[in-house]
Amino acid sequence: MITSPRRTLALLSSAVLVVVALTGCSAIGSVSSAASKVESCAAIAGTMSSASSDIAGSVSSMTSDPAAALEKLKAVSTDFHASLEKLKNADVKKAAETADASLTALVEKVDAAVANPASADSTALQAAAATVSDDFVAIGKVCTPS
């Protein structure tokens, strides 16, 4: 599906807002008593909170300055990836690695859309953003006791 560059960026802005909103819903509450899980959840919670704030800050510039929004998204992805080293719990790390892969895929799709807005696929962008959102929520579920 090929759409106008402005419409594509507007749709992407909406998709990113969904990611931000759902990331907020996955706030890490109480965690299990396993020390490594507690530490891993605490480490990733801080990263997710920062990512949410950074993404929200870049959304406003998505249509007016997509290149700046892309750079902010790349920075979020780099920071999130770097945080994986802090994770000692296998379950938390696996969920975070999945989220990291989907965030990287989203950055690649946004990068392609910014580079060539006329060929941007808004459906693929929205799907990529939804996957990131789902993966961030999954981290919250791993860190929430049953």
N, C-alpha and C. Protein backbone atom coordinates (compact mmCIF):
# COMPACT_ATOMS: atom_id res chain seq x y z
N MET A 1 0.84 -1.17 0.00
CA MET A 1 0.00 0.00 0.00
C MET A 1 0.89 1.24 0.00
N ILE A 2 0.80 2.03 -1.02
CA ILE A 2 1.61 3.25 -1.11
C ILE A 2 0.69 4.43 -0.82
N THR A 3 1.13 5.29 0.09
CA THR A 3 0.35 6.46 0.47
C THR A 3 1.22 7.70 0.36
N SER A 4 0.61 8.86 0.55
CA SER A 4 1.38 10.10 0.49
C SER A 4 2.36 10.15 1.66
N PRO A 5 3.48 10.84 1.49
CA PRO A 5 4.47 10.92 2.57
C PRO A 5 3.88 11.51 3.85
N ARG A 6 3.07 12.54 3.72
CA ARG A 6 2.49 13.18 4.90
C ARG A 6 1.55 12.22 5.63
N ARG A 7 0.73 11.49 4.85
CA ARG A 7 -0.20 10.52 5.46
C ARG A 7 0.60 9.40 6.13
N THR A 8 1.63 8.93 5.48
CA THR A 8 2.45 7.86 6.04
C THR A 8 3.06 8.29 7.36
N LEU A 9 3.60 9.49 7.40
CA LEU A 9 4.22 9.97 8.64
C LEU A 9 3.18 10.21 9.72
N ALA A 10 1.99 10.66 9.33
CA ALA A 10 0.92 10.84 10.31
C ALA A 10 0.49 9.49 10.88
N LEU A 11 0.38 8.48 10.02
CA LEU A 11 0.03 7.14 10.49
C LEU A 11 1.12 6.58 11.39
N LEU A 12 2.37 6.83 11.01
CA LEU A 12 3.47 6.37 11.83
C LEU A 12 3.45 7.05 13.20
N SER A 13 3.15 8.33 13.22
CA SER A 13 3.03 9.05 14.49
C SER A 13 1.99 8.39 15.37
N SER A 14 0.86 8.04 14.78
CA SER A 14 -0.20 7.37 15.53
C SER A 14 0.28 6.03 16.06
N ALA A 15 0.98 5.28 15.22
CA ALA A 15 1.48 3.98 15.64
C ALA A 15 2.48 4.11 16.78
N VAL A 16 3.35 5.10 16.71
CA VAL A 16 4.33 5.31 17.77
C VAL A 16 3.63 5.71 19.07
N LEU A 17 2.57 6.50 18.96
CA LEU A 17 1.81 6.86 20.16
C LEU A 17 1.22 5.62 20.82
N VAL A 18 0.79 4.66 20.03
CA VAL A 18 0.27 3.41 20.58
C VAL A 18 1.37 2.69 21.34
N VAL A 19 2.57 2.66 20.77
CA VAL A 19 3.70 2.03 21.45
C VAL A 19 3.94 2.72 22.79
N VAL A 20 3.94 4.03 22.79
CA VAL A 20 4.18 4.79 24.02
C VAL A 20 3.08 4.49 25.04
N ALA A 21 1.83 4.50 24.60
CA ALA A 21 0.72 4.27 25.50
C ALA A 21 0.78 2.87 26.11
N LEU A 22 1.04 1.88 25.28
CA LEU A 22 1.08 0.52 25.79
C LEU A 22 2.32 0.26 26.62
N THR A 23 3.39 0.95 26.34
CA THR A 23 4.58 0.81 27.17
C THR A 23 4.27 1.30 28.57
N GLY A 24 3.51 2.39 28.65
CA GLY A 24 3.09 2.89 29.95
C GLY A 24 2.25 1.87 30.70
N CYS A 25 1.43 1.11 29.97
CA CYS A 25 0.59 0.09 30.58
C CYS A 25 1.42 -1.08 31.09
N SER A 26 2.60 -1.24 30.56
CA SER A 26 3.42 -2.37 30.98
C SER A 26 4.39 -1.99 32.09
N ALA A 27 4.09 -0.89 32.77
CA ALA A 27 4.96 -0.46 33.85
C ALA A 27 5.22 -1.62 34.80
N ILE A 28 6.43 -1.74 35.22
CA ILE A 28 6.81 -2.86 36.04
C ILE A 28 6.38 -2.60 37.47
N GLY A 29 5.48 -3.42 37.95
CA GLY A 29 4.98 -3.29 39.31
C GLY A 29 5.82 -4.15 40.23
N SER A 30 5.14 -5.00 41.00
CA SER A 30 5.87 -5.89 41.89
C SER A 30 6.47 -7.02 41.08
N VAL A 31 7.57 -7.54 41.56
CA VAL A 31 8.28 -8.58 40.84
C VAL A 31 8.49 -9.78 41.75
N SER A 32 8.87 -10.88 41.17
CA SER A 32 9.08 -12.09 41.98
C SER A 32 10.25 -11.89 42.92
N SER A 33 10.43 -12.86 43.81
CA SER A 33 11.47 -12.73 44.82
C SER A 33 12.85 -13.13 44.32
N ALA A 34 12.97 -13.70 43.15
CA ALA A 34 14.29 -14.09 42.64
C ALA A 34 15.11 -12.84 42.39
N ALA A 35 16.29 -12.78 43.02
CA ALA A 35 17.11 -11.58 42.95
C ALA A 35 17.46 -11.18 41.53
N SER A 36 17.87 -12.13 40.71
CA SER A 36 18.26 -11.77 39.35
C SER A 36 17.07 -11.26 38.55
N LYS A 37 15.89 -11.81 38.82
CA LYS A 37 14.70 -11.34 38.12
C LYS A 37 14.35 -9.93 38.57
N VAL A 38 14.43 -9.68 39.85
CA VAL A 38 14.16 -8.35 40.39
C VAL A 38 15.13 -7.34 39.79
N GLU A 39 16.40 -7.69 39.78
CA GLU A 39 17.41 -6.79 39.24
C GLU A 39 17.21 -6.55 37.75
N SER A 40 16.93 -7.62 37.02
CA SER A 40 16.71 -7.50 35.58
C SER A 40 15.47 -6.67 35.27
N CYS A 41 14.41 -6.92 36.00
CA CYS A 41 13.18 -6.16 35.79
C CYS A 41 13.38 -4.69 36.13
N ALA A 42 14.11 -4.43 37.21
CA ALA A 42 14.38 -3.04 37.57
C ALA A 42 15.23 -2.35 36.51
N ALA A 43 16.22 -3.06 36.00
CA ALA A 43 17.10 -2.47 34.98
C ALA A 43 16.33 -2.16 33.70
N ILE A 44 15.49 -3.08 33.27
CA ILE A 44 14.77 -2.87 32.02
C ILE A 44 13.62 -1.89 32.21
N ALA A 45 13.05 -1.81 33.42
CA ALA A 45 11.97 -0.86 33.68
C ALA A 45 12.46 0.57 33.48
N GLY A 46 13.67 0.85 33.97
CA GLY A 46 14.23 2.18 33.79
C GLY A 46 14.46 2.50 32.33
N THR A 47 14.96 1.52 31.60
CA THR A 47 15.20 1.70 30.17
C THR A 47 13.89 1.91 29.42
N MET A 48 12.86 1.11 29.76
CA MET A 48 11.56 1.25 29.10
C MET A 48 10.93 2.60 29.40
N SER A 49 11.09 3.08 30.62
CA SER A 49 10.55 4.38 30.99
C SER A 49 11.23 5.49 30.19
N SER A 50 12.54 5.42 30.09
CA SER A 50 13.28 6.41 29.30
C SER A 50 12.89 6.34 27.83
N ALA A 51 12.76 5.12 27.32
CA ALA A 51 12.38 4.94 25.91
C ALA A 51 11.01 5.55 25.65
N SER A 52 10.09 5.32 26.56
CA SER A 52 8.74 5.86 26.42
C SER A 52 8.77 7.39 26.37
N SER A 53 9.52 7.99 27.27
CA SER A 53 9.63 9.45 27.29
C SER A 53 10.29 9.98 26.01
N ASP A 54 11.35 9.31 25.59
CA ASP A 54 12.07 9.75 24.39
C ASP A 54 11.21 9.61 23.13
N ILE A 55 10.47 8.51 23.04
CA ILE A 55 9.60 8.32 21.89
C ILE A 55 8.49 9.37 21.89
N ALA A 56 7.92 9.61 23.05
CA ALA A 56 6.87 10.63 23.14
C ALA A 56 7.39 12.00 22.73
N GLY A 57 8.62 12.30 23.10
CA GLY A 57 9.20 13.58 22.74
C GLY A 57 9.45 13.72 21.24
N SER A 58 9.70 12.61 20.58
CA SER A 58 9.97 12.68 19.14
C SER A 58 8.72 12.61 18.29
N VAL A 59 7.62 12.13 18.87
CA VAL A 59 6.38 11.99 18.09
C VAL A 59 5.90 13.34 17.55
N SER A 60 6.04 14.37 18.34
CA SER A 60 5.56 15.68 17.90
C SER A 60 6.30 16.18 16.66
N SER A 61 7.51 15.71 16.46
CA SER A 61 8.28 16.16 15.29
C SER A 61 8.21 15.17 14.13
N MET A 62 7.42 14.11 14.28
CA MET A 62 7.38 13.07 13.25
C MET A 62 6.96 13.60 11.89
N THR A 63 5.96 14.46 11.84
CA THR A 63 5.52 14.97 10.54
C THR A 63 6.30 16.21 10.11
N SER A 64 6.72 17.02 11.07
CA SER A 64 7.43 18.24 10.70
C SER A 64 8.92 18.02 10.45
N ASP A 65 9.52 17.07 11.17
CA ASP A 65 10.94 16.79 11.02
C ASP A 65 11.18 15.29 11.19
N PRO A 66 10.79 14.51 10.18
CA PRO A 66 10.91 13.05 10.32
C PRO A 66 12.35 12.58 10.53
N ALA A 67 13.31 13.29 9.97
CA ALA A 67 14.71 12.89 10.15
C ALA A 67 15.11 12.99 11.62
N ALA A 68 14.69 14.04 12.29
CA ALA A 68 15.01 14.20 13.72
C ALA A 68 14.30 13.13 14.53
N ALA A 69 13.06 12.83 14.19
CA ALA A 69 12.32 11.79 14.89
C ALA A 69 12.99 10.43 14.69
N LEU A 70 13.48 10.19 13.49
CA LEU A 70 14.19 8.94 13.19
C LEU A 70 15.46 8.85 14.04
N GLU A 71 16.21 9.93 14.13
CA GLU A 71 17.44 9.91 14.94
C GLU A 71 17.13 9.61 16.40
N LYS A 72 16.04 10.17 16.90
CA LYS A 72 15.65 9.92 18.28
C LYS A 72 15.28 8.45 18.45
N LEU A 73 14.55 7.90 17.48
CA LEU A 73 14.17 6.49 17.53
C LEU A 73 15.40 5.59 17.47
N LYS A 74 16.38 5.98 16.65
CA LYS A 74 17.64 5.21 16.59
C LYS A 74 18.35 5.25 17.94
N ALA A 75 18.35 6.40 18.58
CA ALA A 75 18.99 6.53 19.89
C ALA A 75 18.29 5.64 20.93
N VAL A 76 16.96 5.63 20.88
CA VAL A 76 16.19 4.78 21.80
C VAL A 76 16.57 3.32 21.57
N SER A 77 16.64 2.92 20.31
CA SER A 77 16.99 1.54 19.97
C SER A 77 18.40 1.19 20.46
N THR A 78 19.35 2.09 20.26
CA THR A 78 20.72 1.86 20.71
C THR A 78 20.79 1.73 22.22
N ASP A 79 20.09 2.63 22.93
CA ASP A 79 20.09 2.58 24.40
C ASP A 79 19.43 1.30 24.91
N PHE A 80 18.32 0.92 24.28
CA PHE A 80 17.62 -0.29 24.69
C PHE A 80 18.53 -1.50 24.48
N HIS A 81 19.17 -1.55 23.33
CA HIS A 81 20.08 -2.67 23.03
C HIS A 81 21.21 -2.75 24.07
N ALA A 82 21.76 -1.62 24.41
CA ALA A 82 22.86 -1.58 25.39
C ALA A 82 22.40 -2.08 26.76
N SER A 83 21.13 -1.87 27.09
CA SER A 83 20.62 -2.29 28.40
C SER A 83 20.52 -3.80 28.54
N LEU A 84 20.55 -4.52 27.43
CA LEU A 84 20.43 -5.99 27.49
C LEU A 84 21.57 -6.62 28.27
N GLU A 85 22.73 -5.99 28.25
CA GLU A 85 23.89 -6.53 28.97
C GLU A 85 23.66 -6.59 30.47
N LYS A 86 22.78 -5.73 30.98
CA LYS A 86 22.52 -5.68 32.42
C LYS A 86 21.59 -6.79 32.89
N LEU A 87 20.94 -7.48 31.96
CA LEU A 87 19.92 -8.45 32.32
C LEU A 87 20.53 -9.81 32.62
N LYS A 88 20.28 -10.31 33.83
CA LYS A 88 20.83 -11.60 34.26
C LYS A 88 19.77 -12.70 34.23
N ASN A 89 18.51 -12.36 34.35
CA ASN A 89 17.45 -13.36 34.35
C ASN A 89 17.14 -13.78 32.92
N ALA A 90 17.12 -15.08 32.68
CA ALA A 90 16.93 -15.61 31.32
C ALA A 90 15.57 -15.22 30.73
N ASP A 91 14.51 -15.27 31.53
CA ASP A 91 13.18 -14.95 31.01
C ASP A 91 13.07 -13.48 30.63
N VAL A 92 13.58 -12.61 31.49
CA VAL A 92 13.54 -11.18 31.22
C VAL A 92 14.41 -10.87 30.01
N LYS A 93 15.58 -11.47 29.97
CA LYS A 93 16.50 -11.22 28.85
C LYS A 93 15.89 -11.68 27.53
N LYS A 94 15.25 -12.84 27.52
CA LYS A 94 14.64 -13.34 26.29
C LYS A 94 13.54 -12.39 25.81
N ALA A 95 12.69 -11.93 26.72
CA ALA A 95 11.63 -10.99 26.34
C ALA A 95 12.22 -9.68 25.84
N ALA A 96 13.27 -9.21 26.50
CA ALA A 96 13.91 -7.95 26.09
C ALA A 96 14.61 -8.10 24.74
N GLU A 97 15.22 -9.25 24.50
CA GLU A 97 15.88 -9.47 23.21
C GLU A 97 14.85 -9.50 22.07
N THR A 98 13.69 -10.06 22.34
CA THR A 98 12.62 -10.06 21.35
C THR A 98 12.17 -8.63 21.06
N ALA A 99 12.01 -7.84 22.13
CA ALA A 99 11.62 -6.43 21.96
C ALA A 99 12.70 -5.65 21.23
N ASP A 100 13.95 -5.96 21.53
CA ASP A 100 15.06 -5.29 20.87
C ASP A 100 15.04 -5.57 19.36
N ALA A 101 14.78 -6.80 18.99
CA ALA A 101 14.73 -7.16 17.57
C ALA A 101 13.57 -6.44 16.87
N SER A 102 12.43 -6.36 17.52
CA SER A 102 11.30 -5.68 16.88
C SER A 102 11.52 -4.18 16.83
N LEU A 103 12.19 -3.62 17.83
CA LEU A 103 12.51 -2.19 17.81
C LEU A 103 13.50 -1.89 16.68
N THR A 104 14.47 -2.77 16.49
CA THR A 104 15.42 -2.61 15.38
C THR A 104 14.70 -2.67 14.04
N ALA A 105 13.76 -3.60 13.91
CA ALA A 105 12.98 -3.72 12.67
C ALA A 105 12.16 -2.46 12.42
N LEU A 106 11.59 -1.89 13.48
CA LEU A 106 10.82 -0.66 13.33
C LEU A 106 11.72 0.48 12.87
N VAL A 107 12.89 0.60 13.47
CA VAL A 107 13.83 1.65 13.07
C VAL A 107 14.18 1.51 11.59
N GLU A 108 14.40 0.28 11.15
CA GLU A 108 14.72 0.05 9.73
C GLU A 108 13.57 0.48 8.82
N LYS A 109 12.34 0.18 9.22
CA LYS A 109 11.17 0.56 8.41
C LYS A 109 10.98 2.08 8.39
N VAL A 110 11.18 2.72 9.53
CA VAL A 110 11.06 4.18 9.59
C VAL A 110 12.18 4.82 8.76
N ASP A 111 13.37 4.27 8.87
CA ASP A 111 14.51 4.78 8.10
C ASP A 111 14.20 4.71 6.60
N ALA A 112 13.65 3.59 6.16
CA ALA A 112 13.30 3.44 4.74
C ALA A 112 12.21 4.43 4.35
N ALA A 113 11.24 4.66 5.23
CA ALA A 113 10.15 5.59 4.94
C ALA A 113 10.65 7.03 4.86
N VAL A 114 11.59 7.38 5.74
CA VAL A 114 12.16 8.73 5.72
C VAL A 114 13.01 8.91 4.47
N ALA A 115 13.76 7.88 4.10
CA ALA A 115 14.62 7.96 2.93
C ALA A 115 13.83 8.05 1.63
N ASN A 116 12.69 7.39 1.59
CA ASN A 116 11.88 7.38 0.38
C ASN A 116 10.39 7.40 0.75
N PRO A 117 9.89 8.57 1.17
CA PRO A 117 8.51 8.68 1.65
C PRO A 117 7.46 8.22 0.64
N ALA A 118 7.74 8.38 -0.63
CA ALA A 118 6.75 8.00 -1.65
C ALA A 118 6.49 6.51 -1.67
N SER A 119 7.45 5.71 -1.25
CA SER A 119 7.25 4.26 -1.28
C SER A 119 7.01 3.67 0.11
N ALA A 120 6.76 4.52 1.09
CA ALA A 120 6.55 4.06 2.46
C ALA A 120 5.26 3.25 2.54
N ASP A 121 5.34 2.14 3.25
CA ASP A 121 4.20 1.25 3.43
C ASP A 121 3.65 1.48 4.84
N SER A 122 2.57 2.23 4.93
CA SER A 122 2.03 2.58 6.25
C SER A 122 1.54 1.35 6.99
N THR A 123 1.04 0.37 6.28
CA THR A 123 0.57 -0.86 6.93
C THR A 123 1.74 -1.59 7.59
N ALA A 124 2.85 -1.67 6.90
CA ALA A 124 4.04 -2.33 7.46
C ALA A 124 4.59 -1.54 8.65
N LEU A 125 4.56 -0.22 8.55
CA LEU A 125 5.02 0.61 9.66
C LEU A 125 4.15 0.41 10.89
N GLN A 126 2.85 0.39 10.68
CA GLN A 126 1.93 0.19 11.81
C GLN A 126 2.11 -1.20 12.41
N ALA A 127 2.29 -2.20 11.56
CA ALA A 127 2.50 -3.56 12.06
C ALA A 127 3.79 -3.65 12.87
N ALA A 128 4.84 -3.00 12.40
CA ALA A 128 6.10 -3.00 13.12
C ALA A 128 5.96 -2.31 14.47
N ALA A 129 5.25 -1.19 14.50
CA ALA A 129 5.02 -0.48 15.76
C ALA A 129 4.18 -1.32 16.72
N ALA A 130 3.19 -2.02 16.20
CA ALA A 130 2.35 -2.88 17.04
C ALA A 130 3.17 -4.02 17.62
N THR A 131 4.10 -4.56 16.84
CA THR A 131 4.96 -5.64 17.33
C THR A 131 5.84 -5.14 18.47
N VAL A 132 6.41 -3.94 18.31
CA VAL A 132 7.21 -3.36 19.39
C VAL A 132 6.36 -3.21 20.64
N SER A 133 5.17 -2.69 20.47
CA SER A 133 4.27 -2.51 21.60
C SER A 133 3.99 -3.84 22.30
N ASP A 134 3.64 -4.85 21.52
CA ASP A 134 3.35 -6.18 22.08
C ASP A 134 4.56 -6.73 22.83
N ASP A 135 5.73 -6.53 22.25
CA ASP A 135 6.95 -7.06 22.87
C ASP A 135 7.30 -6.32 24.16
N PHE A 136 7.02 -5.04 24.22
CA PHE A 136 7.26 -4.29 25.45
C PHE A 136 6.26 -4.72 26.53
N VAL A 137 5.03 -4.95 26.14
CA VAL A 137 4.02 -5.44 27.08
C VAL A 137 4.45 -6.81 27.62
N ALA A 138 5.01 -7.65 26.74
CA ALA A 138 5.47 -8.98 27.16
C ALA A 138 6.54 -8.89 28.25
N ILE A 139 7.40 -7.89 28.15
CA ILE A 139 8.41 -7.70 29.21
C ILE A 139 7.70 -7.42 30.53
N GLY A 140 6.70 -6.56 30.48
CA GLY A 140 5.93 -6.26 31.69
C GLY A 140 5.28 -7.49 32.28
N LYS A 141 4.79 -8.38 31.43
CA LYS A 141 4.16 -9.61 31.91
C LYS A 141 5.18 -10.54 32.57
N VAL A 142 6.37 -10.61 31.99
CA VAL A 142 7.42 -11.44 32.57
C VAL A 142 7.78 -10.92 33.96
N CYS A 143 7.74 -9.61 34.13
CA CYS A 143 8.16 -9.00 35.39
C CYS A 143 7.02 -8.85 36.40
N THR A 144 5.85 -9.31 36.05
CA THR A 144 4.71 -9.23 36.96
C THR A 144 4.44 -10.63 37.49
N PRO A 145 4.36 -10.76 38.81
CA PRO A 145 4.11 -12.10 39.36
C PRO A 145 2.75 -12.65 38.91
N SER A 146 2.69 -13.96 38.79
CA SER A 146 1.45 -14.62 38.35
C SER A 146 0.38 -14.53 39.39
